[in-house]
């Protein structure tokens, strides 16, 4: 068994390697729905994990953490689970639209306002 060198010691991050490769191989083909559904399900699991991590991380934030930044992160993370569930459900019927919802959510997370900066 060979290890993926891109994973290193943090195999939790490598959970996205398989779904990304699967969607790359199936997009536009007969297995497109399966690829997008697996990708959307992985994205949902990742979103839920990050939300749990953020909720736990807020408990140990420094007292002088900027409240505006904390509130901005709260707002952006609040959108993740419902939009990820929507993407998963949509992917069963309209795979490309489900992928578009995921892409939109990724773009939202890349915006500076979602991190409070």
C-alpha atoms as a PDB file:
ATOM      1  CA  UNK A   1       0.000   0.000   0.000  1.00  0.00           C
ATOM      2  CA  UNK A   2       1.427   3.366  -0.990  1.00  0.00           C
ATOM      3  CA  UNK A   3       0.752   6.614   0.807  1.00  0.00           C
ATOM      4  CA  UNK A   4      -0.285   9.779  -0.943  1.00  0.00           C
ATOM      5  CA  UNK A   5       2.650  12.171  -0.400  1.00  0.00           C
ATOM      6  CA  UNK A   6       0.298  15.150  -0.465  1.00  0.00           C
ATOM      7  CA  UNK A   7      -1.356  13.878   2.732  1.00  0.00           C
ATOM      8  CA  UNK A   8       1.655  13.754   4.994  1.00  0.00           C
ATOM      9  CA  UNK A   9       0.761  13.047   8.603  1.00  0.00           C
ATOM     10  CA  UNK A  10      -2.618  14.833   8.536  1.00  0.00           C
ATOM     11  CA  UNK A  11      -4.853  12.226   6.932  1.00  0.00           C
ATOM     12  CA  UNK A  12      -7.975  14.137   8.000  1.00  0.00           C
ATOM     13  CA  UNK A  13      -7.252  16.792   5.409  1.00  0.00           C
ATOM     14  CA  UNK A  14      -6.771  14.125   2.746  1.00  0.00           C
ATOM     15  CA  UNK A  15     -10.389  13.097   2.975  1.00  0.00           C
ATOM     16  CA  UNK A  16     -11.053  15.523   0.120  1.00  0.00           C
ATOM     17  CA  UNK A  17      -8.517  13.950  -2.260  1.00  0.00           C
ATOM     18  CA  UNK A  18     -10.722  10.990  -3.252  1.00  0.00           C
ATOM     19  CA  UNK A  19     -13.975  12.932  -3.842  1.00  0.00           C
ATOM     20  CA  UNK A  20     -12.108  15.592  -5.807  1.00  0.00           C
ATOM     21  CA  UNK A  21     -10.484  12.951  -8.015  1.00  0.00           C
ATOM     22  CA  UNK A  22     -13.832  11.179  -8.383  1.00  0.00           C
ATOM     23  CA  UNK A  23     -15.640  14.324  -9.482  1.00  0.00           C
ATOM     24  CA  UNK A  24     -12.821  15.132 -11.913  1.00  0.00           C
ATOM     25  CA  UNK A  25     -13.220  11.715 -13.546  1.00  0.00           C
ATOM     26  CA  UNK A  26     -17.010  11.611 -13.610  1.00  0.00           C
ATOM     27  CA  UNK A  27     -18.016  15.206 -14.397  1.00  0.00           C
ATOM     28  CA  UNK A  28     -19.703  15.289 -17.788  1.00  0.00           C
ATOM     29  CA  UNK A  29     -19.959  11.511 -17.962  1.00  0.00           C
ATOM     30  CA  UNK A  30     -22.482   8.839 -17.000  1.00  0.00           C
ATOM     31  CA  UNK A  31     -21.254   8.699 -13.382  1.00  0.00           C
ATOM     32  CA  UNK A  32     -21.551  12.445 -12.884  1.00  0.00           C
ATOM     33  CA  UNK A  33     -24.325  12.184 -10.297  1.00  0.00           C
ATOM     34  CA  UNK A  34     -22.354   9.752  -8.133  1.00  0.00           C
ATOM     35  CA  UNK A  35     -19.251  11.949  -8.271  1.00  0.00           C
ATOM     36  CA  UNK A  36     -21.120  15.115  -7.305  1.00  0.00           C
ATOM     37  CA  UNK A  37     -23.127  13.393  -4.548  1.00  0.00           C
ATOM     38  CA  UNK A  38     -19.958  11.969  -2.975  1.00  0.00           C
ATOM     39  CA  UNK A  39     -18.275  15.377  -3.259  1.00  0.00           C
ATOM     40  CA  UNK A  40     -21.301  17.148  -1.727  1.00  0.00           C
ATOM     41  CA  UNK A  41     -21.502  14.610   1.112  1.00  0.00           C
ATOM     42  CA  UNK A  42     -17.796  15.104   1.848  1.00  0.00           C
ATOM     43  CA  UNK A  43     -18.267  18.868   1.737  1.00  0.00           C
ATOM     44  CA  UNK A  44     -21.172  18.565   4.212  1.00  0.00           C
ATOM     45  CA  UNK A  45     -19.082  16.439   6.583  1.00  0.00           C
ATOM     46  CA  UNK A  46     -16.229  18.953   6.366  1.00  0.00           C
ATOM     47  CA  UNK A  47     -18.614  21.857   6.979  1.00  0.00           C
ATOM     48  CA  UNK A  48     -20.061  20.168  10.058  1.00  0.00           C
ATOM     49  CA  UNK A  49     -16.583  19.377  11.384  1.00  0.00           C
ATOM     50  CA  UNK A  50     -15.439  22.979  10.937  1.00  0.00           C
ATOM     51  CA  UNK A  51     -18.569  24.243  12.685  1.00  0.00           C
ATOM     52  CA  UNK A  52     -17.926  21.975  15.669  1.00  0.00           C
ATOM     53  CA  UNK A  53     -14.278  23.038  15.705  1.00  0.00           C
ATOM     54  CA  UNK A  54     -15.245  26.729  15.613  1.00  0.00           C
ATOM     55  CA  UNK A  55     -17.803  26.333  18.417  1.00  0.00           C
ATOM     56  CA  UNK A  56     -15.192  24.642  20.592  1.00  0.00           C
ATOM     57  CA  UNK A  57     -12.511  27.138  19.587  1.00  0.00           C
ATOM     58  CA  UNK A  58     -14.691  30.075  20.619  1.00  0.00           C
ATOM     59  CA  UNK A  59     -14.626  28.756  24.168  1.00  0.00           C
ATOM     60  CA  UNK A  60     -10.890  29.374  24.422  1.00  0.00           C
ATOM     61  CA  UNK A  61     -10.598  32.651  22.506  1.00  0.00           C
ATOM     62  CA  UNK A  62      -8.670  35.438  24.148  1.00  0.00           C
ATOM     63  CA  UNK A  63     -10.815  38.026  25.889  1.00  0.00           C
ATOM     64  CA  UNK A  64      -9.516  40.759  23.587  1.00  0.00           C
ATOM     65  CA  UNK A  65     -10.527  38.928  20.391  1.00  0.00           C
ATOM     66  CA  UNK A  66     -12.283  41.437  18.116  1.00  0.00           C
ATOM     67  CA  UNK A  67     -16.045  40.879  18.548  1.00  0.00           C
ATOM     68  CA  UNK A  68     -16.681  41.998  14.951  1.00  0.00           C
ATOM     69  CA  UNK A  69     -14.361  39.268  13.643  1.00  0.00           C
ATOM     70  CA  UNK A  70     -15.965  36.612  15.845  1.00  0.00           C
ATOM     71  CA  UNK A  71     -19.456  37.678  14.704  1.00  0.00           C
ATOM     72  CA  UNK A  72     -18.387  37.663  11.035  1.00  0.00           C
ATOM     73  CA  UNK A  73     -17.048  34.134  11.344  1.00  0.00           C
ATOM     74  CA  UNK A  74     -20.227  33.079  13.167  1.00  0.00           C
ATOM     75  CA  UNK A  75     -22.364  34.496  10.343  1.00  0.00           C
ATOM     76  CA  UNK A  76     -20.376  32.819   7.584  1.00  0.00           C
ATOM     77  CA  UNK A  77     -20.250  29.462   9.389  1.00  0.00           C
ATOM     78  CA  UNK A  78     -24.005  29.599  10.007  1.00  0.00           C
ATOM     79  CA  UNK A  79     -24.610  29.368   6.244  1.00  0.00           C
ATOM     80  CA  UNK A  80     -22.436  26.301   5.772  1.00  0.00           C
ATOM     81  CA  UNK A  81     -24.577  23.416   7.039  1.00  0.00           C
ATOM     82  CA  UNK A  82     -27.914  24.405   5.446  1.00  0.00           C
ATOM     83  CA  UNK A  83     -26.309  25.259   2.096  1.00  0.00           C
ATOM     84  CA  UNK A  84     -24.255  22.052   2.193  1.00  0.00           C
ATOM     85  CA  UNK A  85     -27.395  20.006   2.864  1.00  0.00           C
ATOM     86  CA  UNK A  86     -29.120  21.846   0.006  1.00  0.00           C
ATOM     87  CA  UNK A  87     -26.182  21.073  -2.304  1.00  0.00           C
ATOM     88  CA  UNK A  88     -26.330  17.397  -1.353  1.00  0.00           C
ATOM     89  CA  UNK A  89     -30.085  17.146  -1.936  1.00  0.00           C
ATOM     90  CA  UNK A  90     -29.897  19.080  -5.214  1.00  0.00           C
ATOM     91  CA  UNK A  91     -27.005  16.864  -6.374  1.00  0.00           C
ATOM     92  CA  UNK A  92     -29.286  13.838  -6.455  1.00  0.00           C
ATOM     93  CA  UNK A  93     -31.495  15.506  -9.066  1.00  0.00           C
ATOM     94  CA  UNK A  94     -29.341  18.189 -10.726  1.00  0.00           C
ATOM     95  CA  UNK A  95     -25.653  17.353 -10.187  1.00  0.00           C
ATOM     96  CA  UNK A  96     -24.276  20.441 -11.913  1.00  0.00           C
ATOM     97  CA  UNK A  97     -26.549  22.734  -9.893  1.00  0.00           C
ATOM     98  CA  UNK A  98     -25.439  21.005  -6.681  1.00  0.00           C
ATOM     99  CA  UNK A  99     -21.836  21.613  -7.664  1.00  0.00           C
ATOM    100  CA  UNK A 100     -22.702  25.259  -8.379  1.00  0.00           C
ATOM    101  CA  UNK A 101     -24.100  25.640  -4.830  1.00  0.00           C
ATOM    102  CA  UNK A 102     -20.876  24.207  -3.391  1.00  0.00           C
ATOM    103  CA  UNK A 103     -18.810  26.529  -5.582  1.00  0.00           C
ATOM    104  CA  UNK A 104     -20.877  29.506  -4.423  1.00  0.00           C
ATOM    105  CA  UNK A 105     -20.332  28.546  -0.799  1.00  0.00           C
ATOM    106  CA  UNK A 106     -16.585  28.206  -1.375  1.00  0.00           C
ATOM    107  CA  UNK A 107     -16.502  31.658  -2.959  1.00  0.00           C
ATOM    108  CA  UNK A 108     -18.439  33.029   0.015  1.00  0.00           C
ATOM    109  CA  UNK A 109     -15.812  31.647   2.384  1.00  0.00           C
ATOM    110  CA  UNK A 110     -13.051  33.266   0.333  1.00  0.00           C
ATOM    111  CA  UNK A 111     -14.553  36.738   0.700  1.00  0.00           C
ATOM    112  CA  UNK A 112     -12.677  38.904   3.213  1.00  0.00           C
ATOM    113  CA  UNK A 113     -15.847  39.794   5.145  1.00  0.00           C
ATOM    114  CA  UNK A 114     -16.443  36.151   6.090  1.00  0.00           C
ATOM    115  CA  UNK A 115     -13.323  36.198   8.269  1.00  0.00           C
ATOM    116  CA  UNK A 116     -13.980  39.575   9.818  1.00  0.00           C
ATOM    117  CA  UNK A 117     -11.203  41.346   7.938  1.00  0.00           C
END
